[in-house]
């Protein structure tokens, strides 16, 4: 049998990594070894970032809802407790959008939450 060399697979792997490293600065986009390290690190950061994005948006929504509640004379935790007791099931994303886009409707939600307590 003929001897098989690994050049084809190696070149394919190198090209894949260098394609992912496109736009990196200096040797990080030109030399395979350095590019491979950078790509692995960037993949890890991307994975972490996808998890972190969910946390960051939830924090943003809670901050917005809290600010709108304080404008209506209530704090965040009692507002959420009142909504739960009144049977209103709205997620924090929608509540924050309502607080920004329609303050009058949010004021009605606060009144409903107050009445439920």
N, C-alpha and C. Protein backbone atom coordinates (compact mmCIF):
# COMPACT_ATOMS: atom_id res chain seq x y z
N UNK A 1 0.83 -1.21 0.00
CA UNK A 1 0.00 0.00 0.00
C UNK A 1 0.86 1.26 0.00
N UNK A 2 0.32 2.27 -0.58
CA UNK A 2 1.05 3.54 -0.65
C UNK A 2 1.04 4.22 0.71
N UNK A 3 2.08 4.95 0.95
CA UNK A 3 2.20 5.67 2.22
C UNK A 3 1.34 6.92 2.15
N UNK A 4 0.56 7.15 3.22
CA UNK A 4 -0.31 8.32 3.26
C UNK A 4 0.37 9.39 4.10
N UNK A 5 0.47 10.56 3.53
CA UNK A 5 1.02 11.69 4.27
C UNK A 5 -0.12 12.56 4.77
N UNK A 6 0.14 13.34 5.79
CA UNK A 6 -0.92 14.13 6.41
C UNK A 6 -1.03 15.55 5.91
N UNK A 7 -0.36 15.83 4.80
CA UNK A 7 -0.31 17.23 4.36
C UNK A 7 -1.68 17.79 4.02
N UNK A 8 -2.50 17.00 3.38
CA UNK A 8 -3.82 17.49 2.97
C UNK A 8 -4.66 17.87 4.18
N UNK A 9 -4.73 16.97 5.16
CA UNK A 9 -5.52 17.26 6.36
C UNK A 9 -4.93 18.40 7.17
N UNK A 10 -3.61 18.45 7.24
CA UNK A 10 -2.94 19.53 7.99
C UNK A 10 -3.24 20.88 7.35
N UNK A 11 -3.15 20.93 6.02
CA UNK A 11 -3.41 22.19 5.33
C UNK A 11 -4.87 22.61 5.54
N UNK A 12 -5.77 21.63 5.49
CA UNK A 12 -7.19 21.93 5.68
C UNK A 12 -7.43 22.51 7.09
N UNK A 13 -6.79 21.89 8.09
CA UNK A 13 -6.94 22.35 9.47
C UNK A 13 -6.35 23.76 9.63
N UNK A 14 -5.18 23.98 9.04
CA UNK A 14 -4.53 25.28 9.13
C UNK A 14 -5.39 26.37 8.47
N UNK A 15 -5.94 26.05 7.31
CA UNK A 15 -6.76 27.03 6.60
C UNK A 15 -8.02 27.37 7.40
N UNK A 16 -8.60 26.36 8.04
CA UNK A 16 -9.80 26.59 8.85
C UNK A 16 -9.50 27.53 10.02
N UNK A 17 -8.38 27.29 10.70
CA UNK A 17 -8.00 28.13 11.84
C UNK A 17 -7.67 29.54 11.38
N UNK A 18 -6.90 29.67 10.27
CA UNK A 18 -6.52 30.99 9.78
C UNK A 18 -7.74 31.78 9.28
N UNK A 19 -8.73 31.07 8.77
CA UNK A 19 -9.96 31.73 8.35
C UNK A 19 -10.70 32.29 9.56
N UNK A 20 -10.71 31.54 10.67
CA UNK A 20 -11.35 32.02 11.90
C UNK A 20 -10.58 33.19 12.51
N UNK A 21 -9.26 33.25 12.24
CA UNK A 21 -8.41 34.31 12.81
C UNK A 21 -8.38 35.55 11.94
N UNK A 22 -9.17 35.59 10.89
CA UNK A 22 -9.16 36.74 10.00
C UNK A 22 -9.57 38.00 10.77
N UNK A 23 -8.81 39.05 10.60
CA UNK A 23 -9.10 40.29 11.29
C UNK A 23 -8.32 40.46 12.58
N UNK A 24 -7.65 39.42 13.05
CA UNK A 24 -6.80 39.54 14.22
C UNK A 24 -5.55 40.34 13.82
N UNK A 25 -4.88 40.91 14.82
CA UNK A 25 -3.75 41.80 14.53
C UNK A 25 -2.44 41.03 14.42
N UNK A 26 -1.60 41.46 13.50
CA UNK A 26 -0.25 40.95 13.38
C UNK A 26 -0.17 39.47 13.08
N UNK A 27 0.71 38.78 13.83
CA UNK A 27 0.97 37.37 13.59
C UNK A 27 -0.23 36.50 13.97
N UNK A 28 -1.15 37.06 14.74
CA UNK A 28 -2.32 36.28 15.17
C UNK A 28 -3.22 35.89 14.00
N UNK A 29 -3.05 36.55 12.86
CA UNK A 29 -3.86 36.17 11.70
C UNK A 29 -3.01 35.54 10.59
N UNK A 30 -1.69 35.47 10.81
CA UNK A 30 -0.81 34.98 9.76
C UNK A 30 -0.16 33.64 10.09
N UNK A 31 0.32 33.48 11.32
CA UNK A 31 1.06 32.28 11.70
C UNK A 31 0.13 31.31 12.41
N UNK A 32 0.18 30.05 11.98
CA UNK A 32 -0.78 29.07 12.48
C UNK A 32 -0.73 28.90 13.99
N UNK A 33 0.45 28.74 14.55
CA UNK A 33 0.56 28.41 15.97
C UNK A 33 -0.04 29.53 16.84
N UNK A 34 0.32 30.75 16.52
CA UNK A 34 -0.19 31.89 17.28
C UNK A 34 -1.67 32.09 17.00
N UNK A 35 -2.06 31.91 15.74
CA UNK A 35 -3.47 32.05 15.38
C UNK A 35 -4.32 31.00 16.08
N UNK A 36 -3.80 29.80 16.20
CA UNK A 36 -4.54 28.71 16.85
C UNK A 36 -4.80 29.05 18.31
N UNK A 37 -3.81 29.60 19.00
CA UNK A 37 -4.00 30.00 20.39
C UNK A 37 -5.05 31.10 20.50
N UNK A 38 -4.97 32.07 19.62
CA UNK A 38 -5.91 33.18 19.65
C UNK A 38 -7.33 32.73 19.34
N UNK A 39 -7.46 31.82 18.38
CA UNK A 39 -8.79 31.32 18.01
C UNK A 39 -9.39 30.52 19.17
N UNK A 40 -8.57 29.69 19.82
CA UNK A 40 -9.09 28.92 20.96
C UNK A 40 -9.56 29.85 22.07
N UNK A 41 -8.76 30.88 22.34
CA UNK A 41 -9.15 31.84 23.38
C UNK A 41 -10.42 32.57 23.00
N UNK A 42 -10.53 32.97 21.72
CA UNK A 42 -11.71 33.71 21.29
C UNK A 42 -12.96 32.83 21.32
N UNK A 43 -12.80 31.55 21.03
CA UNK A 43 -13.93 30.63 21.11
C UNK A 43 -14.41 30.49 22.56
N UNK A 44 -13.47 30.43 23.50
CA UNK A 44 -13.84 30.35 24.92
C UNK A 44 -14.58 31.61 25.34
N UNK A 45 -14.06 32.76 24.92
CA UNK A 45 -14.71 34.02 25.28
C UNK A 45 -16.09 34.13 24.66
N UNK A 46 -16.25 33.62 23.45
CA UNK A 46 -17.57 33.66 22.80
C UNK A 46 -18.56 32.79 23.56
N UNK A 47 -18.10 31.63 24.01
CA UNK A 47 -18.96 30.72 24.78
C UNK A 47 -19.38 31.38 26.09
N UNK A 48 -18.41 31.98 26.78
CA UNK A 48 -18.71 32.66 28.04
C UNK A 48 -19.65 33.83 27.79
N UNK A 49 -19.42 34.55 26.68
CA UNK A 49 -20.23 35.72 26.35
C UNK A 49 -21.69 35.37 26.09
N UNK A 50 -21.93 34.20 25.49
CA UNK A 50 -23.32 33.80 25.25
C UNK A 50 -24.05 33.56 26.55
N UNK A 51 -23.36 33.03 27.56
CA UNK A 51 -23.97 32.84 28.88
C UNK A 51 -24.15 34.19 29.58
N UNK A 52 -23.12 35.03 29.45
CA UNK A 52 -23.11 36.32 30.15
C UNK A 52 -24.20 37.26 29.62
N UNK A 53 -24.48 37.18 28.30
CA UNK A 53 -25.48 38.06 27.70
C UNK A 53 -26.83 37.92 28.38
N UNK A 54 -27.19 36.67 28.71
CA UNK A 54 -28.47 36.43 29.37
C UNK A 54 -28.53 37.11 30.73
N UNK A 55 -27.42 37.02 31.49
CA UNK A 55 -27.35 37.68 32.79
C UNK A 55 -27.45 39.19 32.65
N UNK A 56 -26.69 39.73 31.68
CA UNK A 56 -26.63 41.18 31.52
C UNK A 56 -27.98 41.76 31.14
N UNK A 57 -28.69 41.09 30.25
CA UNK A 57 -30.01 41.60 29.85
C UNK A 57 -30.99 41.52 31.01
N UNK A 58 -30.94 40.44 31.79
CA UNK A 58 -31.85 40.34 32.94
C UNK A 58 -31.58 41.47 33.93
N UNK A 59 -30.29 41.77 34.18
CA UNK A 59 -29.95 42.88 35.07
C UNK A 59 -30.47 44.21 34.53
N UNK A 60 -30.35 44.41 33.22
CA UNK A 60 -30.83 45.65 32.61
C UNK A 60 -32.34 45.79 32.77
N UNK A 61 -33.07 44.70 32.51
CA UNK A 61 -34.52 44.74 32.63
C UNK A 61 -34.94 45.04 34.06
N UNK A 62 -34.28 44.41 35.03
CA UNK A 62 -34.62 44.63 36.43
C UNK A 62 -34.33 46.07 36.82
N UNK A 63 -33.23 46.64 36.34
CA UNK A 63 -32.90 48.03 36.64
C UNK A 63 -33.96 48.97 36.07
N UNK A 64 -34.40 48.71 34.85
CA UNK A 64 -35.43 49.55 34.23
C UNK A 64 -36.75 49.47 34.99
N UNK A 65 -37.15 48.24 35.34
CA UNK A 65 -38.41 48.06 36.07
C UNK A 65 -38.32 48.73 37.43
N UNK A 66 -37.19 48.58 38.09
CA UNK A 66 -37.00 49.19 39.41
C UNK A 66 -37.10 50.71 39.34
N UNK A 67 -36.50 51.31 38.33
CA UNK A 67 -36.56 52.76 38.17
C UNK A 67 -38.00 53.22 37.94
N UNK A 68 -38.73 52.48 37.11
CA UNK A 68 -40.12 52.85 36.83
C UNK A 68 -40.99 52.67 38.06
N UNK A 69 -40.71 51.64 38.86
CA UNK A 69 -41.47 51.42 40.10
C UNK A 69 -41.24 52.55 41.08
N UNK A 70 -39.99 52.98 41.21
CA UNK A 70 -39.66 54.07 42.14
C UNK A 70 -40.34 55.36 41.74
N UNK A 71 -40.52 55.58 40.43
CA UNK A 71 -41.24 56.77 39.97
C UNK A 71 -42.71 56.71 40.37
N UNK A 72 -43.22 55.50 40.59
CA UNK A 72 -44.61 55.31 41.00
C UNK A 72 -44.75 55.02 42.50
N UNK A 73 -43.68 55.24 43.24
CA UNK A 73 -43.75 55.11 44.69
C UNK A 73 -43.78 53.67 45.19
N UNK A 74 -43.06 52.81 44.57
CA UNK A 74 -43.03 51.40 44.98
C UNK A 74 -41.64 50.86 44.68
N UNK A 75 -41.21 49.83 45.40
CA UNK A 75 -39.92 49.25 45.05
C UNK A 75 -40.13 47.97 44.24
N UNK A 76 -39.02 47.48 43.67
CA UNK A 76 -39.08 46.38 42.70
C UNK A 76 -39.65 45.11 43.31
N UNK A 77 -39.16 44.74 44.49
CA UNK A 77 -39.54 43.44 45.06
C UNK A 77 -41.02 43.39 45.43
N UNK A 78 -41.53 44.47 46.00
CA UNK A 78 -42.97 44.47 46.33
C UNK A 78 -43.82 44.51 45.07
N UNK A 79 -43.32 45.19 44.04
CA UNK A 79 -44.05 45.23 42.76
C UNK A 79 -44.16 43.83 42.16
N UNK A 80 -43.03 43.11 42.11
CA UNK A 80 -43.05 41.76 41.55
C UNK A 80 -43.92 40.83 42.40
N UNK A 81 -43.85 40.98 43.70
CA UNK A 81 -44.69 40.17 44.59
C UNK A 81 -46.17 40.46 44.35
N UNK A 82 -46.51 41.75 44.20
CA UNK A 82 -47.89 42.13 43.93
C UNK A 82 -48.39 41.60 42.60
N UNK A 83 -47.54 41.64 41.58
CA UNK A 83 -47.93 41.09 40.28
C UNK A 83 -48.20 39.59 40.37
N UNK A 84 -47.34 38.89 41.10
CA UNK A 84 -47.50 37.45 41.24
C UNK A 84 -48.80 37.12 41.97
N UNK A 85 -49.10 37.89 43.02
CA UNK A 85 -50.33 37.63 43.78
C UNK A 85 -51.58 38.00 43.00
N UNK A 86 -51.48 39.00 42.12
CA UNK A 86 -52.64 39.38 41.32
C UNK A 86 -52.84 38.48 40.10
N UNK A 87 -51.89 37.58 39.87
CA UNK A 87 -52.03 36.61 38.78
C UNK A 87 -51.56 37.12 37.43
N UNK A 88 -50.83 38.22 37.41
CA UNK A 88 -50.31 38.75 36.15
C UNK A 88 -48.96 38.09 35.90
N UNK A 89 -48.85 37.37 34.79
CA UNK A 89 -47.62 36.68 34.44
C UNK A 89 -46.98 37.33 33.23
N UNK A 90 -46.18 38.35 33.50
CA UNK A 90 -45.43 39.02 32.44
C UNK A 90 -43.96 38.87 32.77
N UNK A 91 -43.15 38.57 31.76
CA UNK A 91 -41.72 38.43 32.04
C UNK A 91 -41.07 39.81 32.14
N UNK A 92 -39.84 39.83 32.63
CA UNK A 92 -39.16 41.08 32.91
C UNK A 92 -38.85 41.87 31.64
N UNK A 93 -38.63 41.17 30.55
CA UNK A 93 -38.35 41.84 29.28
C UNK A 93 -39.55 42.69 28.86
N UNK A 94 -40.73 42.08 28.90
CA UNK A 94 -41.94 42.78 28.49
C UNK A 94 -42.25 43.92 29.46
N UNK A 95 -42.08 43.67 30.76
CA UNK A 95 -42.33 44.71 31.75
C UNK A 95 -41.43 45.92 31.52
N UNK A 96 -40.16 45.69 31.20
CA UNK A 96 -39.26 46.82 30.98
C UNK A 96 -39.64 47.58 29.71
N UNK A 97 -40.08 46.86 28.68
CA UNK A 97 -40.52 47.53 27.45
C UNK A 97 -41.78 48.38 27.72
N UNK A 98 -42.70 47.84 28.52
CA UNK A 98 -43.92 48.59 28.87
C UNK A 98 -43.53 49.83 29.66
N UNK A 99 -42.59 49.69 30.60
CA UNK A 99 -42.17 50.82 31.42
C UNK A 99 -41.58 51.95 30.57
N UNK A 100 -40.88 51.60 29.50
CA UNK A 100 -40.27 52.61 28.63
C UNK A 100 -41.30 53.19 27.65
N UNK A 101 -42.01 52.30 26.97
CA UNK A 101 -42.87 52.73 25.86
C UNK A 101 -44.20 53.30 26.32
N UNK A 102 -44.77 52.77 27.42
CA UNK A 102 -46.11 53.17 27.84
C UNK A 102 -46.17 53.35 29.35
N UNK A 103 -45.70 54.49 29.85
CA UNK A 103 -45.68 54.70 31.31
C UNK A 103 -47.06 54.65 31.96
N UNK A 104 -48.10 55.04 31.22
CA UNK A 104 -49.45 55.01 31.79
C UNK A 104 -49.90 53.58 32.07
N UNK A 105 -49.60 52.69 31.15
CA UNK A 105 -49.95 51.27 31.36
C UNK A 105 -49.15 50.69 32.51
N UNK A 106 -47.89 51.11 32.64
CA UNK A 106 -47.07 50.61 33.75
C UNK A 106 -47.62 51.11 35.08
N UNK A 107 -48.12 52.35 35.10
CA UNK A 107 -48.73 52.88 36.32
C UNK A 107 -49.95 52.06 36.71
N UNK A 108 -50.72 51.62 35.73
CA UNK A 108 -51.87 50.75 36.03
C UNK A 108 -51.42 49.41 36.59
N UNK A 109 -50.32 48.89 36.05
CA UNK A 109 -49.78 47.65 36.59
C UNK A 109 -49.33 47.82 38.05
N UNK A 110 -48.74 48.97 38.35
CA UNK A 110 -48.30 49.24 39.73
C UNK A 110 -49.51 49.31 40.64
N UNK A 111 -50.57 49.97 40.18
CA UNK A 111 -51.80 50.07 40.99
C UNK A 111 -52.40 48.67 41.23
N UNK A 112 -52.39 47.84 40.21
CA UNK A 112 -52.89 46.47 40.34
C UNK A 112 -52.06 45.70 41.36
N UNK A 113 -50.75 45.89 41.31
CA UNK A 113 -49.87 45.21 42.25
C UNK A 113 -50.11 45.70 43.67
N UNK A 114 -50.35 47.00 43.84
CA UNK A 114 -50.63 47.56 45.17
C UNK A 114 -51.92 46.99 45.74
N UNK A 115 -52.92 46.88 44.89
CA UNK A 115 -54.22 46.35 45.34
C UNK A 115 -54.14 44.90 45.73
N UNK A 116 -53.26 44.15 45.09
CA UNK A 116 -53.14 42.72 45.38
C UNK A 116 -52.46 42.45 46.72
N UNK A 117 -51.70 43.43 47.22
CA UNK A 117 -50.98 43.24 48.49
C UNK A 117 -51.85 43.49 49.70
